[in-house]
Amino acid sequence: MGHREDLLTGAAQCLYEKGFGQTTARDVVAASRTNLASIGYHFGSKDALLTEAAVRAAAEWNEELDKALARVDPTAAPAERMEQTWIQVVELFRTHRRLWVTYIETLAQAGRMPRLREVLADAQGATREELASMFHALPEDPDAADRQGHVLGSFYQALLTGVMMQWLLDPENAPSGTDISEALRLLTTPESLPV
């Protein structure tokens, strides 16, 4: 590996261990076994380097989510697919905690870093589409399909992020995949709603 790759690997390690805000240029140099001048030469600044490392971490998040969603049986009934999906997602929160902490910290940085915001928004859009199409047959009309896919996918994306936060803050009381599936069933069954 060259210095550029070494720096990215070291920066990713620092993001996982210390977080975006606590990582210094010297931390990255120590983790990558390079030198301070390499950061400026290859990336221009420590923040630009950490942004690129965070982009890689976001790609890792998407890969892990895709693997989890691929384990869901596409031939199962919609309610069963829903439960399988949320069980897989919650298991990711349990087994890849360090990755999700880094992801949440990266989201917080995205408001100040246009490149990072753009990459995360693209990833969010892909996840939104994937989640909507997993549970719903969208209309054949492209405009209606886009609208429904966006609305449904946005809802699932919000649910995903909210559940992730609960698992990071209070795993003992966070909902299981079965709990989430049951809640969605209750919300969509009119007779279960209070009058």
Protein backbone atom coordinates (compact mmCIF):
# COMPACT_ATOMS: atom_id res chain seq x y z
CA MET A 1 0.00 0.00 0.00
CA GLY A 2 1.08 3.57 -0.66
CA HIS A 3 0.88 6.46 1.78
CA ARG A 4 -2.59 7.45 0.53
CA GLU A 5 -4.07 4.03 1.30
CA ASP A 6 -2.15 3.83 4.57
CA LEU A 7 -3.59 7.20 5.58
CA LEU A 8 -7.14 6.11 4.72
CA THR A 9 -6.74 2.88 6.68
CA GLY A 10 -5.26 4.72 9.66
CA ALA A 11 -7.98 7.40 9.51
CA ALA A 12 -10.71 4.73 9.42
CA GLN A 13 -9.15 3.05 12.46
CA CYS A 14 -9.11 6.40 14.27
CA LEU A 15 -12.75 7.07 13.36
CA TYR A 16 -13.73 3.73 14.88
CA GLU A 17 -11.59 4.17 18.00
CA LYS A 18 -11.80 7.92 18.73
CA GLY A 19 -14.51 9.38 16.54
CA PHE A 20 -14.45 12.23 14.04
CA GLY A 21 -14.20 15.09 16.52
CA GLN A 22 -11.54 13.54 18.74
CA THR A 23 -9.13 12.38 16.01
CA THR A 24 -6.07 14.54 15.48
CA ALA A 25 -3.67 14.56 12.54
CA ARG A 26 -1.03 13.04 14.85
CA ASP A 27 -3.43 10.19 15.69
CA VAL A 28 -3.81 9.40 12.00
CA VAL A 29 -0.07 9.57 11.43
CA ALA A 30 0.55 7.19 14.32
CA ALA A 31 -2.13 4.74 13.13
CA SER A 32 -0.97 4.86 9.51
CA ARG A 33 2.78 4.98 10.19
CA THR A 34 3.16 7.83 7.73
CA ASN A 35 3.99 11.51 8.33
CA LEU A 36 2.11 14.79 8.69
CA ALA A 37 3.23 16.03 5.28
CA SER A 38 1.52 13.04 3.65
CA ILE A 39 -1.88 14.23 4.85
CA GLY A 40 -1.45 17.61 3.16
CA TYR A 41 0.03 16.10 0.02
CA HIS A 42 -2.68 13.47 -0.55
CA PHE A 43 -5.77 15.10 0.97
CA GLY A 44 -5.07 18.78 1.64
CA SER A 45 -6.22 18.61 5.25
CA LYS A 46 -7.02 16.26 8.11
CA ASP A 47 -10.75 16.97 7.70
CA ALA A 48 -10.62 16.05 4.00
CA LEU A 49 -8.84 12.80 4.91
CA LEU A 50 -11.37 11.98 7.64
CA THR A 51 -14.19 12.76 5.21
CA GLU A 52 -12.81 10.22 2.72
CA ALA A 53 -12.39 7.67 5.51
CA ALA A 54 -15.98 8.34 6.61
CA VAL A 55 -17.17 7.84 3.01
CA ARG A 56 -15.53 4.41 3.12
CA ALA A 57 -17.18 3.67 6.47
CA ALA A 58 -20.56 4.61 4.98
CA ALA A 59 -19.91 2.21 2.10
CA GLU A 60 -19.13 -0.49 4.68
CA TRP A 61 -22.42 0.28 6.43
CA ASN A 62 -24.31 -0.14 3.15
CA GLU A 63 -22.49 -3.40 2.40
CA GLU A 64 -23.40 -4.83 5.79
CA LEU A 65 -27.02 -3.73 5.40
CA ASP A 66 -27.18 -5.26 1.91
CA LYS A 67 -25.81 -8.57 3.24
CA ALA A 68 -28.42 -8.57 6.00
CA LEU A 69 -31.26 -7.80 3.61
CA ALA A 70 -30.06 -10.53 1.23
CA ARG A 71 -30.70 -13.09 4.01
CA VAL A 72 -34.43 -12.29 3.94
CA ASP A 73 -36.51 -14.88 2.08
CA PRO A 74 -38.03 -13.03 -0.91
CA THR A 75 -40.73 -15.72 -1.28
CA ALA A 76 -42.03 -15.28 2.27
CA ALA A 77 -45.34 -13.56 2.95
CA PRO A 78 -45.03 -9.76 3.41
CA ALA A 79 -45.51 -9.90 7.21
CA GLU A 80 -42.89 -12.64 7.50
CA ARG A 81 -40.44 -10.70 5.25
CA MET A 82 -41.01 -7.65 7.44
CA GLU A 83 -40.14 -9.57 10.59
CA GLN A 84 -37.13 -11.29 8.99
CA THR A 85 -35.83 -7.93 7.78
CA TRP A 86 -36.03 -6.25 11.16
CA ILE A 87 -34.50 -9.27 12.91
CA GLN A 88 -31.54 -9.05 10.50
CA VAL A 89 -31.20 -5.27 10.94
CA VAL A 90 -31.34 -5.44 14.74
CA GLU A 91 -28.71 -8.20 14.68
CA LEU A 92 -26.42 -5.81 12.79
CA PHE A 93 -26.83 -3.25 15.56
CA ARG A 94 -25.88 -5.91 18.07
CA THR A 95 -22.85 -7.32 16.21
CA HIS A 96 -21.41 -4.22 14.53
CA ARG A 97 -21.80 -1.60 17.25
CA ARG A 98 -18.52 0.18 16.47
CA LEU A 99 -19.59 0.62 12.84
CA TRP A 100 -22.94 2.17 13.82
CA VAL A 101 -21.41 4.54 16.37
CA THR A 102 -19.07 5.76 13.65
CA TYR A 103 -21.97 6.06 11.22
CA ILE A 104 -23.98 8.23 13.63
CA GLU A 105 -20.94 10.46 14.25
CA THR A 106 -20.48 10.71 10.50
CA LEU A 107 -24.10 11.80 10.05
CA ALA A 108 -23.47 14.61 12.51
CA GLN A 109 -20.45 15.79 10.49
CA ALA A 110 -22.31 15.68 7.18
CA GLY A 111 -24.00 19.02 7.87
CA ARG A 112 -20.61 20.73 7.60
CA MET A 113 -19.03 18.68 4.82
CA PRO A 114 -20.75 18.81 1.43
CA ARG A 115 -18.92 15.79 -0.06
CA LEU A 116 -19.82 13.62 2.92
CA ARG A 117 -23.43 14.85 2.89
CA GLU A 118 -23.72 14.04 -0.82
CA VAL A 119 -22.37 10.49 -0.41
CA LEU A 120 -24.59 9.79 2.59
CA ALA A 121 -27.66 11.20 0.83
CA ASP A 122 -27.02 8.93 -2.17
CA ALA A 123 -26.62 5.92 0.12
CA GLN A 124 -29.78 6.86 1.98
CA GLY A 125 -31.68 7.08 -1.30
CA ALA A 126 -30.54 3.61 -2.35
CA THR A 127 -31.50 2.17 1.05
CA ARG A 128 -34.87 3.92 0.87
CA GLU A 129 -35.63 2.35 -2.53
CA GLU A 130 -34.48 -1.07 -1.41
CA LEU A 131 -36.60 -1.03 1.75
CA ALA A 132 -39.72 0.14 -0.09
CA SER A 133 -39.43 -2.50 -2.79
CA MET A 134 -38.83 -5.29 -0.25
CA PHE A 135 -42.23 -4.89 1.35
CA HIS A 136 -44.46 -3.34 -1.29
CA ALA A 137 -45.42 -3.98 -4.89
CA LEU A 138 -45.16 -0.49 -6.31
CA PRO A 139 -47.53 0.71 -9.05
CA GLU A 140 -46.58 0.24 -12.69
CA ASP A 141 -46.96 3.95 -13.39
CA PRO A 142 -43.39 5.32 -12.95
CA ASP A 143 -44.52 8.59 -11.32
CA ALA A 144 -46.78 6.81 -8.84
CA ALA A 145 -44.07 4.21 -8.16
CA ASP A 146 -41.50 6.94 -7.52
CA ARG A 147 -43.85 8.76 -5.16
CA GLN A 148 -44.90 5.66 -3.22
CA GLY A 149 -41.35 4.32 -3.14
CA HIS A 150 -40.10 7.62 -1.76
CA VAL A 151 -42.83 7.92 0.88
CA LEU A 152 -42.61 4.29 2.04
CA GLY A 153 -38.83 4.16 1.83
CA SER A 154 -38.53 7.41 3.81
CA PHE A 155 -40.71 5.94 6.52
CA TYR A 156 -38.60 2.78 6.74
CA GLN A 157 -35.40 4.85 6.65
CA ALA A 158 -36.67 6.95 9.57
CA LEU A 159 -37.60 3.79 11.44
CA LEU A 160 -34.18 2.28 10.72
CA THR A 161 -32.33 5.34 12.02
CA GLY A 162 -34.54 5.61 15.10
CA VAL A 163 -34.10 1.94 15.98
CA MET A 164 -30.34 2.28 15.46
CA MET A 165 -30.23 5.17 17.92
CA GLN A 166 -32.18 3.17 20.51
CA TRP A 167 -29.80 0.23 20.15
CA LEU A 168 -26.77 2.49 20.55
CA LEU A 169 -28.13 4.33 23.60
CA ASP A 170 -30.07 1.67 25.50
CA PRO A 171 -29.72 -1.83 24.02
CA GLU A 172 -31.49 -3.52 26.96
CA ASN A 173 -34.71 -1.63 26.20
CA ALA A 174 -34.42 -1.26 22.43
CA PRO A 175 -37.03 -3.06 20.32
CA SER A 176 -36.28 -6.45 18.82
CA GLY A 177 -36.98 -7.23 15.17
CA THR A 178 -40.12 -9.04 16.28
CA ASP A 179 -41.22 -6.01 18.35
CA ILE A 180 -40.85 -3.72 15.33
CA SER A 181 -42.75 -6.10 13.08
CA GLU A 182 -45.52 -6.40 15.67
CA ALA A 183 -45.75 -2.61 16.05
CA LEU A 184 -46.06 -2.17 12.29
CA ARG A 185 -48.78 -4.82 12.20
CA LEU A 186 -50.66 -3.06 15.01
CA LEU A 187 -50.39 0.28 13.23
CA THR A 188 -51.78 -1.13 10.01
CA THR A 189 -54.62 -3.14 11.55
CA PRO A 190 -57.52 -0.70 12.02
CA GLU A 191 -59.24 -2.78 14.71
CA SER A 192 -56.11 -2.59 16.90
CA LEU A 193 -56.07 1.20 16.97
CA PRO A 194 -57.81 3.06 19.81
CA VAL A 195 -60.95 4.97 18.93
